[in-house]
């Protein structure tokens, strides 16, 4: 019983601190990353987060508002007719 209370308290503390850590990081380091597999036909040329990107808590979830720009280069021999990007949280 005590260990479940400690886990709940730790989870609440982490969820409560995440928005402050994400929003307060003005050191220039990115808190989001873009990765592609080695055999991907596209490579990132540039990636930037706009000044209006925010993070906040909504109930038991995190809400992110991202203002991002991603420029990709086709490195394959065929023209691309479509591209799907997957967002994954870790």
N, C-alpha and C. Protein backbone atom coordinates (compact mmCIF):
# COMPACT_ATOMS: atom_id res chain seq x y z
N UNK A 1 0.82 -1.19 0.00
CA UNK A 1 0.00 0.00 0.00
C UNK A 1 0.86 1.25 0.00
N UNK A 2 1.91 1.25 0.81
CA UNK A 2 2.78 2.42 0.89
C UNK A 2 3.55 2.61 -0.41
N UNK A 3 3.98 1.50 -1.04
CA UNK A 3 4.74 1.63 -2.28
C UNK A 3 3.87 2.18 -3.41
N UNK A 4 2.59 1.82 -3.45
CA UNK A 4 1.71 2.37 -4.49
C UNK A 4 1.46 3.85 -4.26
N UNK A 5 1.40 4.28 -3.01
CA UNK A 5 1.24 5.70 -2.71
C UNK A 5 2.48 6.48 -3.11
N UNK A 6 3.65 5.90 -2.88
CA UNK A 6 4.90 6.55 -3.27
C UNK A 6 4.99 6.66 -4.78
N UNK A 7 4.59 5.60 -5.50
CA UNK A 7 4.60 5.64 -6.96
C UNK A 7 3.65 6.70 -7.49
N UNK A 8 2.47 6.79 -6.90
CA UNK A 8 1.49 7.79 -7.32
C UNK A 8 2.02 9.20 -7.07
N UNK A 9 2.63 9.41 -5.91
CA UNK A 9 3.20 10.72 -5.59
C UNK A 9 4.33 11.08 -6.55
N UNK A 10 5.19 10.11 -6.86
CA UNK A 10 6.29 10.35 -7.80
C UNK A 10 5.76 10.66 -9.20
N UNK A 11 4.74 9.93 -9.64
CA UNK A 11 4.15 10.18 -10.96
C UNK A 11 3.53 11.57 -11.03
N UNK A 12 2.84 11.98 -9.97
CA UNK A 12 2.25 13.32 -9.93
C UNK A 12 3.32 14.40 -9.96
N UNK A 13 4.42 14.17 -9.27
CA UNK A 13 5.51 15.15 -9.25
C UNK A 13 6.14 15.28 -10.64
N UNK A 14 6.34 14.15 -11.32
CA UNK A 14 6.92 14.19 -12.66
C UNK A 14 5.99 14.90 -13.63
N UNK A 15 4.70 14.55 -13.59
CA UNK A 15 3.73 15.19 -14.49
C UNK A 15 3.62 16.67 -14.19
N UNK A 16 3.72 17.05 -12.94
CA UNK A 16 3.65 18.46 -12.57
C UNK A 16 4.86 19.26 -13.00
N UNK A 17 6.02 18.61 -13.05
CA UNK A 17 7.26 19.32 -13.41
C UNK A 17 7.55 19.35 -14.90
N UNK A 18 7.00 18.42 -15.67
CA UNK A 18 7.31 18.35 -17.10
C UNK A 18 7.02 19.64 -17.87
N UNK A 19 5.88 20.29 -17.68
CA UNK A 19 5.65 21.51 -18.45
C UNK A 19 6.67 22.60 -18.14
N UNK A 20 7.06 22.70 -16.87
CA UNK A 20 8.04 23.71 -16.49
C UNK A 20 9.41 23.41 -17.09
N UNK A 21 9.78 22.14 -17.11
CA UNK A 21 11.07 21.76 -17.67
C UNK A 21 11.10 21.99 -19.18
N UNK A 22 10.00 21.65 -19.84
CA UNK A 22 9.95 21.82 -21.30
C UNK A 22 9.89 23.28 -21.69
N UNK A 23 9.10 24.07 -20.96
CA UNK A 23 8.94 25.48 -21.31
C UNK A 23 10.11 26.33 -20.86
N UNK A 24 10.80 25.93 -19.80
CA UNK A 24 11.87 26.75 -19.25
C UNK A 24 13.22 26.50 -19.92
N UNK A 25 13.28 25.55 -20.82
CA UNK A 25 14.55 25.24 -21.46
C UNK A 25 14.80 26.20 -22.61
N UNK A 26 15.38 27.35 -22.30
CA UNK A 26 15.71 28.35 -23.31
C UNK A 26 17.19 28.34 -23.63
N UNK A 27 17.87 27.26 -23.31
CA UNK A 27 19.31 27.19 -23.51
C UNK A 27 19.69 26.93 -24.95
N UNK A 28 18.71 26.75 -25.82
CA UNK A 28 19.00 26.47 -27.21
C UNK A 28 19.01 24.99 -27.53
N UNK A 29 19.00 24.13 -26.52
CA UNK A 29 18.97 22.70 -26.79
C UNK A 29 17.55 22.29 -27.15
N UNK A 30 17.45 21.34 -28.06
CA UNK A 30 16.13 20.90 -28.52
C UNK A 30 15.59 19.82 -27.60
N UNK A 31 14.32 19.93 -27.24
CA UNK A 31 13.68 18.90 -26.44
C UNK A 31 12.82 18.00 -27.31
N UNK A 32 12.95 18.17 -28.62
CA UNK A 32 12.28 17.30 -29.59
C UNK A 32 13.30 17.00 -30.68
N UNK A 33 13.24 15.80 -31.22
CA UNK A 33 14.23 15.40 -32.21
C UNK A 33 13.52 14.76 -33.40
N UNK A 34 14.11 14.88 -34.56
CA UNK A 34 13.58 14.28 -35.79
C UNK A 34 14.60 13.26 -36.26
N UNK A 35 14.15 12.02 -36.43
CA UNK A 35 15.05 10.95 -36.85
C UNK A 35 14.45 10.21 -38.04
N UNK A 36 15.32 9.76 -38.94
CA UNK A 36 14.92 8.95 -40.08
C UNK A 36 15.80 7.71 -40.11
N UNK A 37 15.25 6.61 -40.64
CA UNK A 37 16.04 5.38 -40.72
C UNK A 37 17.13 5.53 -41.79
N UNK A 38 18.09 4.63 -41.75
CA UNK A 38 19.22 4.71 -42.68
C UNK A 38 18.79 4.56 -44.14
N UNK A 39 17.76 3.75 -44.39
CA UNK A 39 17.31 3.52 -45.76
C UNK A 39 16.21 4.49 -46.20
N UNK A 40 16.00 5.54 -45.46
CA UNK A 40 14.98 6.53 -45.79
C UNK A 40 15.35 7.29 -47.06
N UNK A 41 14.37 7.53 -47.95
CA UNK A 41 14.67 8.29 -49.16
C UNK A 41 14.75 9.80 -48.93
N UNK A 42 14.51 10.25 -47.72
CA UNK A 42 14.60 11.68 -47.41
C UNK A 42 15.55 11.89 -46.24
N UNK A 43 16.20 13.04 -46.25
CA UNK A 43 17.09 13.44 -45.16
C UNK A 43 16.69 14.83 -44.69
N UNK A 44 16.76 15.07 -43.38
CA UNK A 44 16.44 16.42 -42.91
C UNK A 44 17.55 17.41 -43.28
N UNK A 45 17.14 18.55 -43.83
CA UNK A 45 18.08 19.62 -44.15
C UNK A 45 18.13 20.59 -42.99
N UNK A 46 16.95 20.96 -42.49
CA UNK A 46 16.90 21.86 -41.33
C UNK A 46 15.64 21.58 -40.53
N UNK A 47 15.71 21.89 -39.24
CA UNK A 47 14.58 21.72 -38.33
C UNK A 47 14.66 22.84 -37.30
N UNK A 48 13.55 23.52 -37.10
CA UNK A 48 13.54 24.58 -36.09
C UNK A 48 12.19 24.64 -35.40
N UNK A 49 12.23 24.97 -34.12
CA UNK A 49 11.02 25.19 -33.33
C UNK A 49 10.78 26.68 -33.23
N UNK A 50 9.54 27.08 -33.46
CA UNK A 50 9.19 28.49 -33.36
C UNK A 50 9.10 28.94 -31.92
N UNK A 51 9.05 30.24 -31.70
CA UNK A 51 9.01 30.78 -30.34
C UNK A 51 7.69 30.52 -29.62
N UNK A 52 6.65 30.13 -30.33
CA UNK A 52 5.35 29.93 -29.70
C UNK A 52 5.08 28.52 -29.23
N UNK A 53 6.07 27.63 -29.26
CA UNK A 53 5.88 26.25 -28.83
C UNK A 53 5.73 26.19 -27.32
N UNK A 54 4.68 25.52 -26.85
CA UNK A 54 4.41 25.42 -25.42
C UNK A 54 4.05 23.99 -25.04
N UNK A 55 4.13 23.70 -23.75
CA UNK A 55 3.73 22.41 -23.19
C UNK A 55 2.91 22.68 -21.94
N UNK A 56 1.88 21.87 -21.73
CA UNK A 56 1.04 22.05 -20.55
C UNK A 56 0.33 20.77 -20.18
N UNK A 57 -0.22 20.73 -18.98
CA UNK A 57 -0.94 19.56 -18.48
C UNK A 57 -2.43 19.79 -18.66
N UNK A 58 -3.10 18.78 -19.21
CA UNK A 58 -4.56 18.80 -19.33
C UNK A 58 -5.09 17.50 -18.73
N UNK A 59 -5.54 17.60 -17.50
CA UNK A 59 -6.00 16.40 -16.80
C UNK A 59 -4.83 15.47 -16.54
N UNK A 60 -4.91 14.25 -17.06
CA UNK A 60 -3.83 13.29 -16.87
C UNK A 60 -2.93 13.21 -18.10
N UNK A 61 -3.09 14.14 -19.03
CA UNK A 61 -2.31 14.13 -20.27
C UNK A 61 -1.45 15.37 -20.40
N UNK A 62 -0.50 15.29 -21.29
CA UNK A 62 0.32 16.45 -21.64
C UNK A 62 -0.17 16.97 -22.98
N UNK A 63 -0.28 18.28 -23.11
CA UNK A 63 -0.67 18.91 -24.37
C UNK A 63 0.49 19.76 -24.86
N UNK A 64 0.89 19.54 -26.09
CA UNK A 64 1.98 20.29 -26.70
C UNK A 64 1.45 21.08 -27.88
N UNK A 65 1.80 22.34 -27.95
CA UNK A 65 1.50 23.15 -29.12
C UNK A 65 2.84 23.47 -29.77
N UNK A 66 3.06 22.87 -30.93
CA UNK A 66 4.35 23.00 -31.59
C UNK A 66 4.24 23.89 -32.82
N UNK A 67 5.14 24.82 -32.92
CA UNK A 67 5.29 25.64 -34.12
C UNK A 67 6.66 25.26 -34.67
N UNK A 68 6.65 24.34 -35.63
CA UNK A 68 7.91 23.78 -36.12
C UNK A 68 8.01 23.91 -37.63
N UNK A 69 9.24 23.93 -38.09
CA UNK A 69 9.53 23.95 -39.52
C UNK A 69 10.52 22.83 -39.81
N UNK A 70 10.20 22.00 -40.80
CA UNK A 70 11.05 20.87 -41.16
C UNK A 70 11.27 20.90 -42.67
N UNK A 71 12.51 20.98 -43.09
CA UNK A 71 12.86 20.98 -44.51
C UNK A 71 13.56 19.67 -44.82
N UNK A 72 13.02 18.92 -45.80
CA UNK A 72 13.55 17.61 -46.15
C UNK A 72 14.11 17.62 -47.57
N UNK A 73 15.08 16.75 -47.83
CA UNK A 73 15.65 16.60 -49.17
C UNK A 73 15.45 15.16 -49.63
N UNK A 74 14.95 15.00 -50.86
CA UNK A 74 14.78 13.69 -51.46
C UNK A 74 16.13 13.20 -51.95
N UNK A 75 16.62 12.11 -51.36
CA UNK A 75 17.92 11.56 -51.76
C UNK A 75 17.76 10.34 -52.67
N UNK A 76 16.52 9.94 -52.91
CA UNK A 76 16.27 8.79 -53.78
C UNK A 76 16.29 9.18 -55.25
N UNK A 77 16.18 8.17 -56.10
CA UNK A 77 16.17 8.42 -57.55
C UNK A 77 14.78 8.68 -58.08
N UNK A 78 13.75 8.28 -57.34
CA UNK A 78 12.37 8.46 -57.78
C UNK A 78 11.76 9.70 -57.11
N UNK A 79 10.86 10.39 -57.81
CA UNK A 79 10.16 11.50 -57.17
C UNK A 79 9.18 10.98 -56.13
N UNK A 80 8.98 11.73 -55.06
CA UNK A 80 8.05 11.35 -54.01
C UNK A 80 6.65 11.84 -54.36
N UNK A 81 5.66 10.98 -54.14
CA UNK A 81 4.28 11.39 -54.38
C UNK A 81 3.54 11.64 -53.07
N UNK A 82 4.13 11.25 -51.95
CA UNK A 82 3.51 11.47 -50.65
C UNK A 82 4.48 11.13 -49.54
N UNK A 83 4.20 11.66 -48.37
CA UNK A 83 5.08 11.43 -47.23
C UNK A 83 4.23 11.41 -45.97
N UNK A 84 4.42 10.41 -45.14
CA UNK A 84 3.71 10.30 -43.87
C UNK A 84 4.73 10.37 -42.74
N UNK A 85 4.50 11.25 -41.78
CA UNK A 85 5.38 11.38 -40.62
C UNK A 85 4.66 10.86 -39.39
N UNK A 86 5.35 10.12 -38.56
CA UNK A 86 4.79 9.58 -37.32
C UNK A 86 5.42 10.31 -36.14
N UNK A 87 4.58 10.76 -35.22
CA UNK A 87 5.05 11.40 -34.00
C UNK A 87 5.03 10.36 -32.90
N UNK A 88 6.16 10.21 -32.22
CA UNK A 88 6.30 9.19 -31.19
C UNK A 88 6.86 9.82 -29.92
N UNK A 89 6.21 9.56 -28.80
CA UNK A 89 6.67 10.09 -27.51
C UNK A 89 7.41 9.01 -26.75
N UNK A 90 8.50 9.40 -26.11
CA UNK A 90 9.27 8.44 -25.31
C UNK A 90 9.45 8.97 -23.92
